[in-house]
Amino acid sequence: MAANEKTLIVGPQTVDCSAGAGRMKCMQVKENASESWTNFYSNIEGFTYEPGYEYVLKVKTEKIANPPADASSIKYTLIEQVSKTKK
């Protein structure tokens, strides 16, 4: 299983998004401050999201060999919460 680390910036609001057959709330994430926000359809294991804060997180990503049809092929695990800023 290949694993690597990346930094994610998590926005202070969730948005409605489509996930297969249903609707859900997605966190807004980006990898660099200069990028646009994108919908994040997965969970980050070990991370508890609280609306109204912008987070910088260090996460580990792992490829999932045979993911369920409605799930991500990447598993995200929190390594470190670098910052949490009230927005």
PDB file of N, CA and C in Angstrom:
ATOM      1  N   MET A   1       0.844  -1.186   0.000  1.00  0.00           N
ATOM      2  CA  MET A   1       0.000   0.000   0.000  1.00  0.00           C
ATOM      3  C   MET A   1       0.884   1.243   0.000  1.00  0.00           C
ATOM      4  N   ALA A   2       0.717   2.073  -0.999  1.00  0.00           N
ATOM      5  CA  ALA A   2       1.521   3.294  -1.084  1.00  0.00           C
ATOM      6  C   ALA A   2       0.909   4.371  -0.191  1.00  0.00           C
ATOM      7  N   ALA A   3       1.729   4.982   0.620  1.00  0.00           N
ATOM      8  CA  ALA A   3       1.239   6.045   1.502  1.00  0.00           C
ATOM      9  C   ALA A   3       2.113   7.273   1.334  1.00  0.00           C
ATOM     10  N   ASN A   4       1.491   8.435   1.392  1.00  0.00           N
ATOM     11  CA  ASN A   4       2.282   9.656   1.384  1.00  0.00           C
ATOM     12  C   ASN A   4       1.563  10.730   2.170  1.00  0.00           C
ATOM     13  N   GLU A   5       2.237  11.831   2.365  1.00  0.00           N
ATOM     14  CA  GLU A   5       1.681  12.907   3.167  1.00  0.00           C
ATOM     15  C   GLU A   5       1.378  14.108   2.289  1.00  0.00           C
ATOM     16  N   LYS A   6       0.324  14.842   2.663  1.00  0.00           N
ATOM     17  CA  LYS A   6       0.029  16.101   1.987  1.00  0.00           C
ATOM     18  C   LYS A   6      -0.594  17.049   2.993  1.00  0.00           C
ATOM     19  N   THR A   7      -0.541  18.324   2.661  1.00  0.00           N
ATOM     20  CA  THR A   7      -1.163  19.346   3.492  1.00  0.00           C
ATOM     21  C   THR A   7      -2.461  19.772   2.827  1.00  0.00           C
ATOM     22  N   LEU A   8      -3.536  19.826   3.611  1.00  0.00           N
ATOM     23  CA  LEU A   8      -4.824  20.281   3.113  1.00  0.00           C
ATOM     24  C   LEU A   8      -5.259  21.501   3.907  1.00  0.00           C
ATOM     25  N   ILE A   9      -5.813  22.490   3.215  1.00  0.00           N
ATOM     26  CA  ILE A   9      -6.457  23.625   3.864  1.00  0.00           C
ATOM     27  C   ILE A   9      -7.955  23.351   3.793  1.00  0.00           C
ATOM     28  N   VAL A  10      -8.623  23.373   4.948  1.00  0.00           N
ATOM     29  CA  VAL A  10     -10.056  23.078   5.018  1.00  0.00           C
ATOM     30  C   VAL A  10     -10.792  24.373   5.318  1.00  0.00           C
ATOM     31  N   GLY A  11     -11.791  24.686   4.501  1.00  0.00           N
ATOM     32  CA  GLY A  11     -12.524  25.940   4.626  1.00  0.00           C
ATOM     33  C   GLY A  11     -13.495  25.960   5.790  1.00  0.00           C
ATOM     34  N   PRO A  12     -13.975  27.168   6.154  1.00  0.00           N
ATOM     35  CA  PRO A  12     -14.828  27.329   7.330  1.00  0.00           C
ATOM     36  C   PRO A  12     -16.291  26.939   7.127  1.00  0.00           C
ATOM     37  N   GLN A  13     -16.702  26.662   5.899  1.00  0.00           N
ATOM     38  CA  GLN A  13     -18.092  26.297   5.611  1.00  0.00           C
ATOM     39  C   GLN A  13     -18.144  24.977   4.855  1.00  0.00           C
ATOM     40  N   THR A  14     -19.242  24.227   5.060  1.00  0.00           N
ATOM     41  CA  THR A  14     -19.505  23.074   4.205  1.00  0.00           C
ATOM     42  C   THR A  14     -20.509  23.514   3.136  1.00  0.00           C
ATOM     43  N   VAL A  15     -20.584  22.753   2.057  1.00  0.00           N
ATOM     44  CA  VAL A  15     -21.535  23.051   0.986  1.00  0.00           C
ATOM     45  C   VAL A  15     -22.317  21.789   0.651  1.00  0.00           C
ATOM     46  N   ASP A  16     -23.518  21.987   0.098  1.00  0.00           N
ATOM     47  CA  ASP A  16     -24.288  20.845  -0.374  1.00  0.00           C
ATOM     48  C   ASP A  16     -23.611  20.282  -1.608  1.00  0.00           C
ATOM     49  N   CYS A  17     -23.500  18.966  -1.670  1.00  0.00           N
ATOM     50  CA  CYS A  17     -22.886  18.336  -2.837  1.00  0.00           C
ATOM     51  C   CYS A  17     -23.563  17.002  -3.098  1.00  0.00           C
ATOM     52  N   SER A  18     -23.430  16.506  -4.303  1.00  0.00           N
ATOM     53  CA  SER A  18     -24.012  15.218  -4.672  1.00  0.00           C
ATOM     54  C   SER A  18     -22.984  14.128  -4.467  1.00  0.00           C
ATOM     55  N   ALA A  19     -23.421  13.054  -3.836  1.00  0.00           N
ATOM     56  CA  ALA A  19     -22.532  11.907  -3.639  1.00  0.00           C
ATOM     57  C   ALA A  19     -23.284  10.674  -4.109  1.00  0.00           C
ATOM     58  N   GLY A  20     -23.083  10.306  -5.362  1.00  0.00           N
ATOM     59  CA  GLY A  20     -23.800   9.155  -5.901  1.00  0.00           C
ATOM     60  C   GLY A  20     -25.290   9.431  -5.915  1.00  0.00           C
ATOM     61  N   ALA A  21     -26.049   8.604  -5.195  1.00  0.00           N
ATOM     62  CA  ALA A  21     -27.502   8.709  -5.201  1.00  0.00           C
ATOM     63  C   ALA A  21     -28.031   9.782  -4.256  1.00  0.00           C
ATOM     64  N   GLY A  22     -27.213  10.228  -3.308  1.00  0.00           N
ATOM     65  CA  GLY A  22     -27.718  11.144  -2.291  1.00  0.00           C
ATOM     66  C   GLY A  22     -27.028  12.484  -2.282  1.00  0.00           C
ATOM     67  N   ARG A  23     -27.541  13.351  -1.412  1.00  0.00           N
ATOM     68  CA  ARG A  23     -26.924  14.654  -1.189  1.00  0.00           C
ATOM     69  C   ARG A  23     -26.255  14.610   0.172  1.00  0.00           C
ATOM     70  N   MET A  24     -25.189  15.357   0.309  1.00  0.00           N
ATOM     71  CA  MET A  24     -24.495  15.407   1.585  1.00  0.00           C
ATOM     72  C   MET A  24     -23.838  16.765   1.734  1.00  0.00           C
ATOM     73  N   LYS A  25     -23.217  16.978   2.860  1.00  0.00           N
ATOM     74  CA  LYS A  25     -22.431  18.192   3.086  1.00  0.00           C
ATOM     75  C   LYS A  25     -20.970  17.848   2.838  1.00  0.00           C
ATOM     76  N   CYS A  26     -20.312  18.653   2.023  1.00  0.00           N
ATOM     77  CA  CYS A  26     -18.893  18.437   1.740  1.00  0.00           C
ATOM     78  C   CYS A  26     -18.068  19.553   2.363  1.00  0.00           C
ATOM     79  N   MET A  27     -16.918  19.179   2.910  1.00  0.00           N
ATOM     80  CA  MET A  27     -15.956  20.189   3.325  1.00  0.00           C
ATOM     81  C   MET A  27     -15.352  20.786   2.059  1.00  0.00           C
ATOM     82  N   GLN A  28     -14.889  22.021   2.154  1.00  0.00           N
ATOM     83  CA  GLN A  28     -14.190  22.684   1.061  1.00  0.00           C
ATOM     84  C   GLN A  28     -12.700  22.609   1.360  1.00  0.00           C
ATOM     85  N   VAL A  29     -11.920  22.091   0.416  1.00  0.00           N
ATOM     86  CA  VAL A  29     -10.481  21.959   0.655  1.00  0.00           C
ATOM     87  C   VAL A  29      -9.677  22.490  -0.525  1.00  0.00           C
ATOM     88  N   LYS A  30      -8.425  22.799  -0.240  1.00  0.00           N
ATOM     89  CA  LYS A  30      -7.448  23.123  -1.277  1.00  0.00           C
ATOM     90  C   LYS A  30      -6.077  22.775  -0.722  1.00  0.00           C
ATOM     91  N   GLU A  31      -5.132  22.534  -1.624  1.00  0.00           N
ATOM     92  CA  GLU A  31      -3.787  22.151  -1.199  1.00  0.00           C
ATOM     93  C   GLU A  31      -2.856  23.347  -1.081  1.00  0.00           C
ATOM     94  N   ASN A  32      -3.204  24.448  -1.765  1.00  0.00           N
ATOM     95  CA  ASN A  32      -2.402  25.671  -1.690  1.00  0.00           C
ATOM     96  C   ASN A  32      -3.327  26.856  -1.492  1.00  0.00           C
ATOM     97  N   ALA A  33      -2.861  27.852  -0.766  1.00  0.00           N
ATOM     98  CA  ALA A  33      -3.687  29.032  -0.473  1.00  0.00           C
ATOM     99  C   ALA A  33      -4.158  29.733  -1.740  1.00  0.00           C
ATOM    100  N   SER A  34      -3.393  29.630  -2.828  1.00  0.00           N
ATOM    101  CA  SER A  34      -3.731  30.334  -4.067  1.00  0.00           C
ATOM    102  C   SER A  34      -4.754  29.586  -4.925  1.00  0.00           C
ATOM    103  N   GLU A  35      -5.076  28.345  -4.575  1.00  0.00           N
ATOM    104  CA  GLU A  35      -6.020  27.557  -5.372  1.00  0.00           C
ATOM    105  C   GLU A  35      -7.464  27.903  -5.018  1.00  0.00           C
ATOM    106  N   SER A  36      -8.387  27.451  -5.855  1.00  0.00           N
ATOM    107  CA  SER A  36      -9.812  27.580  -5.565  1.00  0.00           C
ATOM    108  C   SER A  36     -10.248  26.423  -4.667  1.00  0.00           C
ATOM    109  N   TRP A  37     -11.312  26.651  -3.897  1.00  0.00           N
ATOM    110  CA  TRP A  37     -11.858  25.588  -3.048  1.00  0.00           C
ATOM    111  C   TRP A  37     -12.466  24.489  -3.918  1.00  0.00           C
ATOM    112  N   THR A  38     -12.306  23.247  -3.502  1.00  0.00           N
ATOM    113  CA  THR A  38     -12.949  22.121  -4.175  1.00  0.00           C
ATOM    114  C   THR A  38     -13.697  21.293  -3.139  1.00  0.00           C
ATOM    115  N   ASN A  39     -14.741  20.593  -3.593  1.00  0.00           N
ATOM    116  CA  ASN A  39     -15.506  19.736  -2.688  1.00  0.00           C
ATOM    117  C   ASN A  39     -14.679  18.530  -2.281  1.00  0.00           C
ATOM    118  N   PHE A  40     -14.757  18.181  -1.013  1.00  0.00           N
ATOM    119  CA  PHE A  40     -14.024  17.035  -0.474  1.00  0.00           C
ATOM    120  C   PHE A  40     -15.053  15.994  -0.065  1.00  0.00           C
ATOM    121  N   TYR A  41     -15.083  14.866  -0.780  1.00  0.00           N
ATOM    122  CA  TYR A  41     -16.137  13.871  -0.604  1.00  0.00           C
ATOM    123  C   TYR A  41     -15.800  12.796   0.424  1.00  0.00           C
ATOM    124  N   SER A  42     -14.587  12.797   0.934  1.00  0.00           N
ATOM    125  CA  SER A  42     -14.161  11.769   1.885  1.00  0.00           C
ATOM    126  C   SER A  42     -14.220  12.294   3.313  1.00  0.00           C
ATOM    127  N   ASN A  43     -13.930  11.408   4.238  1.00  0.00           N
ATOM    128  CA  ASN A  43     -13.703  11.803   5.622  1.00  0.00           C
ATOM    129  C   ASN A  43     -12.210  11.779   5.868  1.00  0.00           C
ATOM    130  N   ILE A  44     -11.777  12.481   6.892  1.00  0.00           N
ATOM    131  CA  ILE A  44     -10.383  12.415   7.323  1.00  0.00           C
ATOM    132  C   ILE A  44     -10.404  11.741   8.684  1.00  0.00           C
ATOM    133  N   GLU A  45      -9.870  10.532   8.729  1.00  0.00           N
ATOM    134  CA  GLU A  45      -9.893   9.754   9.968  1.00  0.00           C
ATOM    135  C   GLU A  45      -9.137  10.500  11.066  1.00  0.00           C
ATOM    136  N   GLY A  46      -9.773  10.657  12.223  1.00  0.00           N
ATOM    137  CA  GLY A  46      -9.127  11.322  13.346  1.00  0.00           C
ATOM    138  C   GLY A  46      -9.357  12.824  13.397  1.00  0.00           C
ATOM    139  N   PHE A  47     -10.057  13.377  12.396  1.00  0.00           N
ATOM    140  CA  PHE A  47     -10.305  14.821  12.340  1.00  0.00           C
ATOM    141  C   PHE A  47     -11.774  15.109  12.597  1.00  0.00           C
ATOM    142  N   THR A  48     -12.050  16.037  13.510  1.00  0.00           N
ATOM    143  CA  THR A  48     -13.419  16.471  13.779  1.00  0.00           C
ATOM    144  C   THR A  48     -13.588  17.887  13.252  1.00  0.00           C
ATOM    145  N   TYR A  49     -14.446  18.027  12.253  1.00  0.00           N
ATOM    146  CA  TYR A  49     -14.674  19.327  11.615  1.00  0.00           C
ATOM    147  C   TYR A  49     -15.610  20.178  12.465  1.00  0.00           C
ATOM    148  N   GLU A  50     -15.280  21.437  12.611  1.00  0.00           N
ATOM    149  CA  GLU A  50     -16.127  22.388  13.319  1.00  0.00           C
ATOM    150  C   GLU A  50     -16.332  23.593  12.405  1.00  0.00           C
ATOM    151  N   PRO A  51     -17.584  23.875  11.968  1.00  0.00           N
ATOM    152  CA  PRO A  51     -17.835  25.003  11.070  1.00  0.00           C
ATOM    153  C   PRO A  51     -17.377  26.322  11.683  1.00  0.00           C
ATOM    154  N   GLY A  52     -16.961  27.249  10.819  1.00  0.00           N
ATOM    155  CA  GLY A  52     -16.545  28.565  11.281  1.00  0.00           C
ATOM    156  C   GLY A  52     -15.041  28.698  11.480  1.00  0.00           C
ATOM    157  N   TYR A  53     -14.313  27.630  11.217  1.00  0.00           N
ATOM    158  CA  TYR A  53     -12.860  27.644  11.359  1.00  0.00           C
ATOM    159  C   TYR A  53     -12.203  27.203  10.063  1.00  0.00           C
ATOM    160  N   GLU A  54     -11.065  27.804   9.757  1.00  0.00           N
ATOM    161  CA  GLU A  54     -10.241  27.325   8.649  1.00  0.00           C
ATOM    162  C   GLU A  54      -9.094  26.533   9.258  1.00  0.00           C
ATOM    163  N   TYR A  55      -8.880  25.351   8.735  1.00  0.00           N
ATOM    164  CA  TYR A  55      -7.865  24.444   9.268  1.00  0.00           C
ATOM    165  C   TYR A  55      -6.739  24.253   8.270  1.00  0.00           C
ATOM    166  N   VAL A  56      -5.550  24.037   8.767  1.00  0.00           N
ATOM    167  CA  VAL A  56      -4.453  23.514   7.966  1.00  0.00           C
ATOM    168  C   VAL A  56      -4.111  22.167   8.588  1.00  0.00           C
ATOM    169  N   LEU A  57      -4.218  21.117   7.778  1.00  0.00           N
ATOM    170  CA  LEU A  57      -4.025  19.758   8.266  1.00  0.00           C
ATOM    171  C   LEU A  57      -2.914  19.066   7.506  1.00  0.00           C
ATOM    172  N   LYS A  58      -2.152  18.270   8.210  1.00  0.00           N
ATOM    173  CA  LYS A  58      -1.212  17.367   7.561  1.00  0.00           C
ATOM    174  C   LYS A  58      -1.875  15.992   7.600  1.00  0.00           C
ATOM    175  N   VAL A  59      -2.059  15.384   6.437  1.00  0.00           N
ATOM    176  CA  VAL A  59      -2.746  14.097   6.355  1.00  0.00           C
ATOM    177  C   VAL A  59      -1.895  13.071   5.621  1.00  0.00           C
ATOM    178  N   LYS A  60      -2.186  11.819   5.920  1.00  0.00           N
ATOM    179  CA  LYS A  60      -1.568  10.704   5.205  1.00  0.00           C
ATOM    180  C   LYS A  60      -2.612  10.179   4.234  1.00  0.00           C
ATOM    181  N   THR A  61      -2.202   9.936   2.989  1.00  0.00           N
ATOM    182  CA  THR A  61      -3.117   9.359   2.007  1.00  0.00           C
ATOM    183  C   THR A  61      -2.664   7.949   1.668  1.00  0.00           C
ATOM    184  N   GLU A  62      -3.651   7.056   1.585  1.00  0.00           N
ATOM    185  CA  GLU A  62      -3.369   5.669   1.219  1.00  0.00           C
ATOM    186  C   GLU A  62      -4.352   5.236   0.148  1.00  0.00           C
ATOM    187  N   LYS A  63      -3.854   4.561  -0.864  1.00  0.00           N
ATOM    188  CA  LYS A  63      -4.735   4.014  -1.897  1.00  0.00           C
ATOM    189  C   LYS A  63      -5.464   2.801  -1.336  1.00  0.00           C
ATOM    190  N   ILE A  64      -6.773   2.719  -1.618  1.00  0.00           N
ATOM    191  CA  ILE A  64      -7.577   1.564  -1.229  1.00  0.00           C
ATOM    192  C   ILE A  64      -7.695   0.678  -2.459  1.00  0.00           C
ATOM    193  N   ALA A  65      -7.298  -0.581  -2.318  1.00  0.00           N
ATOM    194  CA  ALA A  65      -7.232  -1.482  -3.469  1.00  0.00           C
ATOM    195  C   ALA A  65      -8.592  -1.700  -4.130  1.00  0.00           C
ATOM    196  N   ASN A  66      -9.610  -2.065  -3.366  1.00  0.00           N
ATOM    197  CA  ASN A  66     -10.930  -2.344  -3.930  1.00  0.00           C
ATOM    198  C   ASN A  66     -11.997  -1.552  -3.182  1.00  0.00           C
ATOM    199  N   PRO A  67     -12.094  -0.255  -3.463  1.00  0.00           N
ATOM    200  CA  PRO A  67     -13.060   0.558  -2.712  1.00  0.00           C
ATOM    201  C   PRO A  67     -14.494   0.233  -3.113  1.00  0.00           C
ATOM    202  N   PRO A  68     -15.463   0.431  -2.206  1.00  0.00           N
ATOM    203  CA  PRO A  68     -16.873   0.287  -2.589  1.00  0.00           C
ATOM    204  C   PRO A  68     -17.195   1.276  -3.709  1.00  0.00           C
ATOM    205  N   ALA A  69     -18.200   0.974  -4.501  1.00  0.00           N
ATOM    206  CA  ALA A  69     -18.538   1.802  -5.659  1.00  0.00           C
ATOM    207  C   ALA A  69     -18.832   3.251  -5.284  1.00  0.00           C
ATOM    208  N   ASP A  70     -19.391   3.472  -4.093  1.00  0.00           N
ATOM    209  CA  ASP A  70     -19.775   4.834  -3.710  1.00  0.00           C
ATOM    210  C   ASP A  70     -18.758   5.496  -2.785  1.00  0.00           C
ATOM    211  N   ALA A  71     -17.558   4.951  -2.723  1.00  0.00           N
ATOM    212  CA  ALA A  71     -16.556   5.494  -1.805  1.00  0.00           C
ATOM    213  C   ALA A  71     -15.305   5.932  -2.558  1.00  0.00           C
ATOM    214  N   SER A  72     -14.503   6.729  -1.884  1.00  0.00           N
ATOM    215  CA  SER A  72     -13.256   7.212  -2.459  1.00  0.00           C
ATOM    216  C   SER A  72     -12.242   6.077  -2.553  1.00  0.00           C
ATOM    217  N   SER A  73     -11.331   6.183  -3.508  1.00  0.00           N
ATOM    218  CA  SER A  73     -10.265   5.183  -3.625  1.00  0.00           C
ATOM    219  C   SER A  73      -9.055   5.586  -2.788  1.00  0.00           C
ATOM    220  N   ILE A  74      -9.184   6.693  -2.053  1.00  0.00           N
ATOM    221  CA  ILE A  74      -8.091   7.165  -1.199  1.00  0.00           C
ATOM    222  C   ILE A  74      -8.603   7.318   0.227  1.00  0.00           C
ATOM    223  N   LYS A  75      -7.833   6.806   1.172  1.00  0.00           N
ATOM    224  CA  LYS A  75      -8.149   6.957   2.594  1.00  0.00           C
ATOM    225  C   LYS A  75      -7.277   8.073   3.147  1.00  0.00           C
ATOM    226  N   TYR A  76      -7.896   9.001   3.864  1.00  0.00           N
ATOM    227  CA  TYR A  76      -7.180  10.124   4.474  1.00  0.00           C
ATOM    228  C   TYR A  76      -7.143   9.937   5.986  1.00  0.00           C
ATOM    229  N   THR A  77      -5.957  10.063   6.577  1.00  0.00           N
ATOM    230  CA  THR A  77      -5.795   9.950   8.023  1.00  0.00           C
ATOM    231  C   THR A  77      -5.055  11.182   8.531  1.00  0.00           C
ATOM    232  N   LEU A  78      -5.591  11.791   9.588  1.00  0.00           N
ATOM    233  CA  LEU A  78      -4.962  12.984  10.156  1.00  0.00           C
ATOM    234  C   LEU A  78      -3.635  12.628  10.806  1.00  0.00           C
ATOM    235  N   ILE A  79      -2.590  13.366  10.442  1.00  0.00           N
ATOM    236  CA  ILE A  79      -1.294  13.239  11.105  1.00  0.00           C
ATOM    237  C   ILE A  79      -1.179  14.349  12.148  1.00  0.00           C
ATOM    238  N   GLU A  80      -1.513  15.584  11.711  1.00  0.00           N
ATOM    239  CA  GLU A  80      -1.362  16.734  12.603  1.00  0.00           C
ATOM    240  C   GLU A  80      -2.293  17.855  12.173  1.00  0.00           C
ATOM    241  N   GLN A  81      -2.941  18.498  13.148  1.00  0.00           N
ATOM    242  CA  GLN A  81      -3.693  19.721  12.876  1.00  0.00           C
ATOM    243  C   GLN A  81      -2.715  20.865  13.078  1.00  0.00           C
ATOM    244  N   VAL A  82      -2.266  21.456  11.974  1.00  0.00           N
ATOM    245  CA  VAL A  82      -1.243  22.499  12.019  1.00  0.00           C
ATOM    246  C   VAL A  82      -1.820  23.792  12.591  1.00  0.00           C
ATOM    247  N   SER A  83      -3.040  24.146  12.163  1.00  0.00           N
ATOM    248  CA  SER A  83      -3.663  25.360  12.689  1.00  0.00           C
ATOM    249  C   SER A  83      -5.176  25.275  12.593  1.00  0.00           C
ATOM    250  N   LYS A  84      -5.850  26.091  13.420  1.00  0.00           N
ATOM    251  CA  LYS A  84      -7.313  26.215  13.428  1.00  0.00           C
ATOM    252  C   LYS A  84      -7.588  27.691  13.673  1.00  0.00           C
ATOM    253  N   THR A  85      -8.122  28.383  12.645  1.00  0.00           N
ATOM    254  CA  THR A  85      -8.295  29.825  12.704  1.00  0.00           C
ATOM    255  C   THR A  85      -9.770  30.185  12.594  1.00  0.00           C
ATOM    256  N   LYS A  86     -10.286  30.964  13.531  1.00  0.00           N
ATOM    257  CA  LYS A  86     -11.682  31.412  13.494  1.00  0.00           C
ATOM    258  C   LYS A  86     -11.891  32.317  12.288  1.00  0.00           C
ATOM    259  N   LYS A  87     -12.954  32.048  11.509  1.00  0.00           N
ATOM    260  CA  LYS A  87     -13.235  32.843  10.299  1.00  0.00           C
ATOM    261  C   LYS A  87     -14.580  33.537  10.421  1.00  0.00           C
TER     262      LYS A  87
END
